[in-house]
Protein backbone atom coordinates (compact mmCIF):
# COMPACT_ATOMS: atom_id res chain seq x y z
CA GLN A 1 -5.21 13.59 -1.47
CA HIS A 2 -6.75 17.07 -0.47
CA GLU A 3 -8.23 18.30 -3.75
CA ALA A 4 -11.89 17.55 -3.89
CA ASP A 5 -12.50 17.77 -7.50
CA PHE A 6 -9.41 15.70 -8.25
CA ILE A 7 -11.09 12.95 -5.78
CA ASN A 8 -14.34 13.15 -7.37
CA LEU A 9 -12.74 12.88 -10.79
CA LEU A 10 -10.92 9.68 -9.84
CA ASN A 11 -13.95 8.19 -8.14
CA ASN A 12 -16.01 8.82 -11.57
CA ILE A 13 -13.38 6.81 -13.51
CA ARG A 14 -13.44 4.26 -10.66
CA ASN A 15 -17.10 3.91 -10.88
CA ASN A 16 -17.28 3.98 -14.73
CA ILE A 17 -19.16 7.15 -14.52
CA ALA A 18 -16.65 9.65 -15.85
CA THR A 19 -18.17 12.50 -17.88
CA GLU A 20 -16.65 14.28 -21.15
CA GLU A 21 -15.92 17.09 -18.90
CA ASP A 22 -13.98 14.89 -16.51
CA LEU A 23 -11.88 13.52 -19.20
CA LEU A 24 -11.15 16.70 -20.84
CA ARG A 25 -9.83 18.04 -17.44
CA LEU A 26 -7.93 14.62 -17.18
CA HIS A 27 -6.24 15.22 -20.46
CA GLN A 28 -5.15 18.80 -19.84
CA HIS A 29 -2.56 17.29 -17.63
CA TYR A 30 -1.46 14.51 -19.88
CA ARG A 31 2.28 15.00 -21.29
CA PRO A 32 3.38 12.43 -23.99
CA GLY A 33 6.80 11.22 -23.21
CA TYR A 34 7.17 12.56 -19.96
CA GLN A 35 9.72 10.87 -17.45
CA SER A 36 9.75 11.56 -13.89
CA LYS A 37 12.94 11.77 -11.96
CA ASP A 38 13.47 8.81 -9.42
CA ASP A 39 13.37 11.25 -6.36
CA ASP A 40 9.99 12.77 -7.66
CA ASN A 41 7.84 10.00 -5.81
CA TYR A 42 5.56 9.55 -8.61
CA ILE A 43 3.31 6.30 -9.13
CA THR A 44 2.44 4.77 -12.24
CA LEU A 45 -1.44 3.73 -11.96
CA THR A 46 -1.99 0.73 -14.08
CA THR A 47 -4.97 -1.44 -14.99
CA HIS A 48 -3.51 -4.73 -14.06
CA ASN A 49 -1.40 -5.90 -11.06
CA ALA A 50 0.77 -8.20 -13.16
CA LYS A 51 1.89 -4.69 -14.85
CA ALA A 52 2.23 -3.06 -11.44
CA ASP A 53 4.36 -5.91 -10.26
CA SER A 54 6.51 -6.01 -13.29
CA ILE A 55 7.37 -2.34 -13.04
CA ASN A 56 7.97 -2.51 -9.12
CA GLN A 57 10.13 -5.58 -9.24
CA ASN A 58 12.06 -4.04 -12.23
CA LYS A 59 12.50 -0.75 -10.20
CA LEU A 60 13.67 -2.82 -7.33
CA GLN A 61 16.30 -4.71 -9.27
CA GLN A 62 17.97 -1.16 -10.25
CA LEU A 63 18.64 -0.59 -6.64
CA ALA A 64 22.17 -1.46 -6.02
CA SER A 65 21.54 -2.43 -2.37
CA ARG A 66 20.89 -6.18 -0.76
CA ALA A 67 17.33 -7.29 -0.91
CA HIS A 68 15.81 -8.40 2.51
CA GLU A 69 12.96 -10.94 2.62
CA PHE A 70 10.00 -10.47 5.29
CA LYS A 71 7.73 -13.34 5.48
CA ALA A 72 4.23 -12.85 6.66
CA GLU A 73 2.89 -14.98 9.57
CA ILE A 74 -0.36 -16.99 9.13
CA ILE A 75 -2.12 -18.54 11.86
CA GLY A 76 -5.25 -20.42 11.77
CA ASP A 77 -7.73 -19.93 8.56
CA PHE A 78 -6.56 -17.12 6.33
CA ASN A 79 -7.33 -17.77 2.79
CA GLU A 80 -4.07 -16.92 0.92
CA LYS A 81 -6.24 -15.24 -1.99
CA SER A 82 -7.46 -12.61 0.30
CA VAL A 83 -4.32 -11.56 2.32
CA PRO A 84 -3.96 -7.52 2.58
CA ALA A 85 -0.27 -7.66 2.02
CA ASP A 86 2.38 -9.54 0.10
CA ILE A 87 3.12 -12.87 1.93
CA LEU A 88 6.63 -12.49 0.84
CA LEU A 89 7.77 -8.83 1.22
CA LEU A 90 10.88 -8.17 -1.03
CA LEU A 91 12.45 -4.93 0.05
CA LYS A 92 15.66 -2.77 -0.42
CA PRO A 93 16.86 0.51 1.15
CA GLY A 94 15.99 3.23 -1.33
CA ALA A 95 12.61 1.31 -2.37
CA GLN A 96 9.47 3.29 -2.71
CA ILE A 97 6.58 2.10 -0.57
CA MET A 98 3.02 2.72 0.01
CA PHE A 99 1.39 2.22 3.20
CA ILE A 100 -2.02 0.11 2.97
CA LYS A 101 -3.41 0.39 6.43
CA ASN A 102 -3.86 3.52 8.88
CA ASP A 103 -1.79 3.90 11.78
CA LYS A 104 -4.09 3.07 14.77
CA GLY A 105 -1.96 4.66 17.42
CA ASP A 106 -2.55 7.88 19.31
CA VAL A 107 0.00 9.59 17.01
CA ARG A 108 -1.09 8.93 13.83
CA ARG A 109 2.30 8.60 11.75
CA TYR A 110 0.84 7.16 8.52
CA TYR A 111 -2.37 6.38 6.37
CA ASN A 112 -3.34 4.43 3.82
CA GLY A 113 -1.84 5.50 0.43
CA LYS A 114 0.83 7.39 2.34
CA ILE A 115 4.13 7.22 0.27
CA ALA A 116 7.57 6.83 2.02
CA THR A 117 10.97 5.36 0.78
CA ILE A 118 12.96 2.56 2.83
CA SER A 119 16.00 4.35 4.22
CA ARG A 120 17.83 1.54 5.74
CA ILE A 121 16.84 -2.22 6.85
CA GLU A 122 19.09 -3.26 10.20
CA ASN A 123 18.87 -6.60 12.16
CA ASP A 124 15.36 -7.30 10.49
CA SER A 125 13.70 -3.77 11.18
CA ILE A 126 12.67 -1.60 8.49
CA TYR A 127 13.13 2.08 8.78
CA VAL A 128 11.27 4.64 6.46
CA GLN A 129 11.28 8.27 5.68
CA PHE A 130 8.76 10.59 4.43
CA GLN A 131 9.58 13.02 1.73
CA GLY A 132 10.30 16.51 3.17
CA GLU A 133 10.81 15.00 6.70
CA ASN A 134 14.08 14.42 8.43
CA ASP A 135 12.85 11.89 11.00
CA GLU A 136 12.69 8.14 10.16
CA LEU A 137 10.12 5.79 11.30
CA GLN A 138 10.67 2.30 12.31
CA LEU A 139 8.00 0.18 11.01
CA GLU A 140 5.91 -2.25 13.28
CA GLN A 141 4.20 -5.36 11.66
CA GLU A 142 0.41 -5.24 11.86
CA THR A 143 -2.14 -8.04 12.47
CA TRP A 144 -5.26 -8.37 10.34
CA LYS A 145 -8.00 -10.72 11.58
CA ASN A 146 -10.21 -13.15 9.25
CA ILE A 147 -13.42 -13.01 11.37
CA ARG A 148 -16.75 -14.72 11.17
CA TYR A 149 -19.94 -13.23 12.18
CA ARG A 150 -22.85 -15.00 13.48
CA TYR A 151 -26.05 -14.22 14.98
CA ASN A 152 -26.94 -15.30 18.70
CA LYS A 153 -30.91 -15.95 18.59
CA GLU A 154 -30.96 -16.49 22.27
CA GLU A 155 -29.21 -13.32 23.20
CA ASP A 156 -30.19 -11.27 20.14
CA LYS A 157 -26.81 -10.38 19.12
CA ILE A 158 -23.98 -10.67 16.65
CA GLU A 159 -20.92 -12.61 18.03
CA GLU A 160 -17.34 -12.51 16.27
CA GLU A 161 -15.41 -15.78 15.82
CA GLU A 162 -11.69 -15.23 14.90
CA LEU A 163 -10.73 -17.85 12.66
CA GLY A 164 -7.23 -16.87 11.61
CA THR A 165 -4.71 -13.89 11.52
CA PHE A 166 -2.36 -12.61 9.02
CA LYS A 167 0.69 -10.55 10.35
CA GLN A 168 2.99 -8.56 8.23
CA TYR A 169 4.34 -4.90 7.36
CA PRO A 170 1.50 -2.63 6.07
CA ILE A 171 3.33 -1.43 3.19
CA ARG A 172 3.80 -2.42 -0.67
CA LEU A 173 6.17 -1.50 -3.26
CA ALA A 174 4.73 1.48 -5.01
CA TRP A 175 6.56 2.63 -7.94
CA ALA A 176 3.33 1.42 -9.51
CA ILE A 177 0.06 0.16 -8.35
C-alpha cells in the first residue's frame, strides 16, 4: 500500500474515527454486483474470521489440484489461542496466499500483506509466484518465539526468557481476510 490517503482512510475506519468525507470517498468506489475475475488477486474484507475462513475454504475446494497439509511445530509453551499462523495449513497449487511476516533476509523478497499464488508443491516444498514476476520463490518456515520479560534488579536490566517456539510457513489463504 503506497497511497497515503487510502491508508489514512482505512486507519480511520479501523480506529472507528471515520469522517463523513472518508465514507463518501469510500462509497465512490463501491460497485454493486461487481464480480472479480479469479486472476485479479482481489481480497474480500470481512468483519469476522469465520466468514473469511468460509470463503477461503470454498475457493480452495474449487481448485482441482490435490491438497497438501503443513503442520506447525510447537515446542515448549506457546498458547494455541495466540499462534501467529494456522497450526494446520491446507494448501493447493493455485491458492491465493498472503504473507503474514516480513522477510528478514538481506534481500527482502516479501513483506507482511504481500499477495502471491502457490505455483507448485513438490517434496513438501512450497513455491509461490508474485503477480507480474516470472521467478518462483521457495518458501521457508519461520519461527516465532514466546518470550517472557523480567526485570533483573541487581543488574538493572530487562532479561528475556524463551518459553516456547512456533514454526510454520509465514502465509495464510487470502481470498478473504
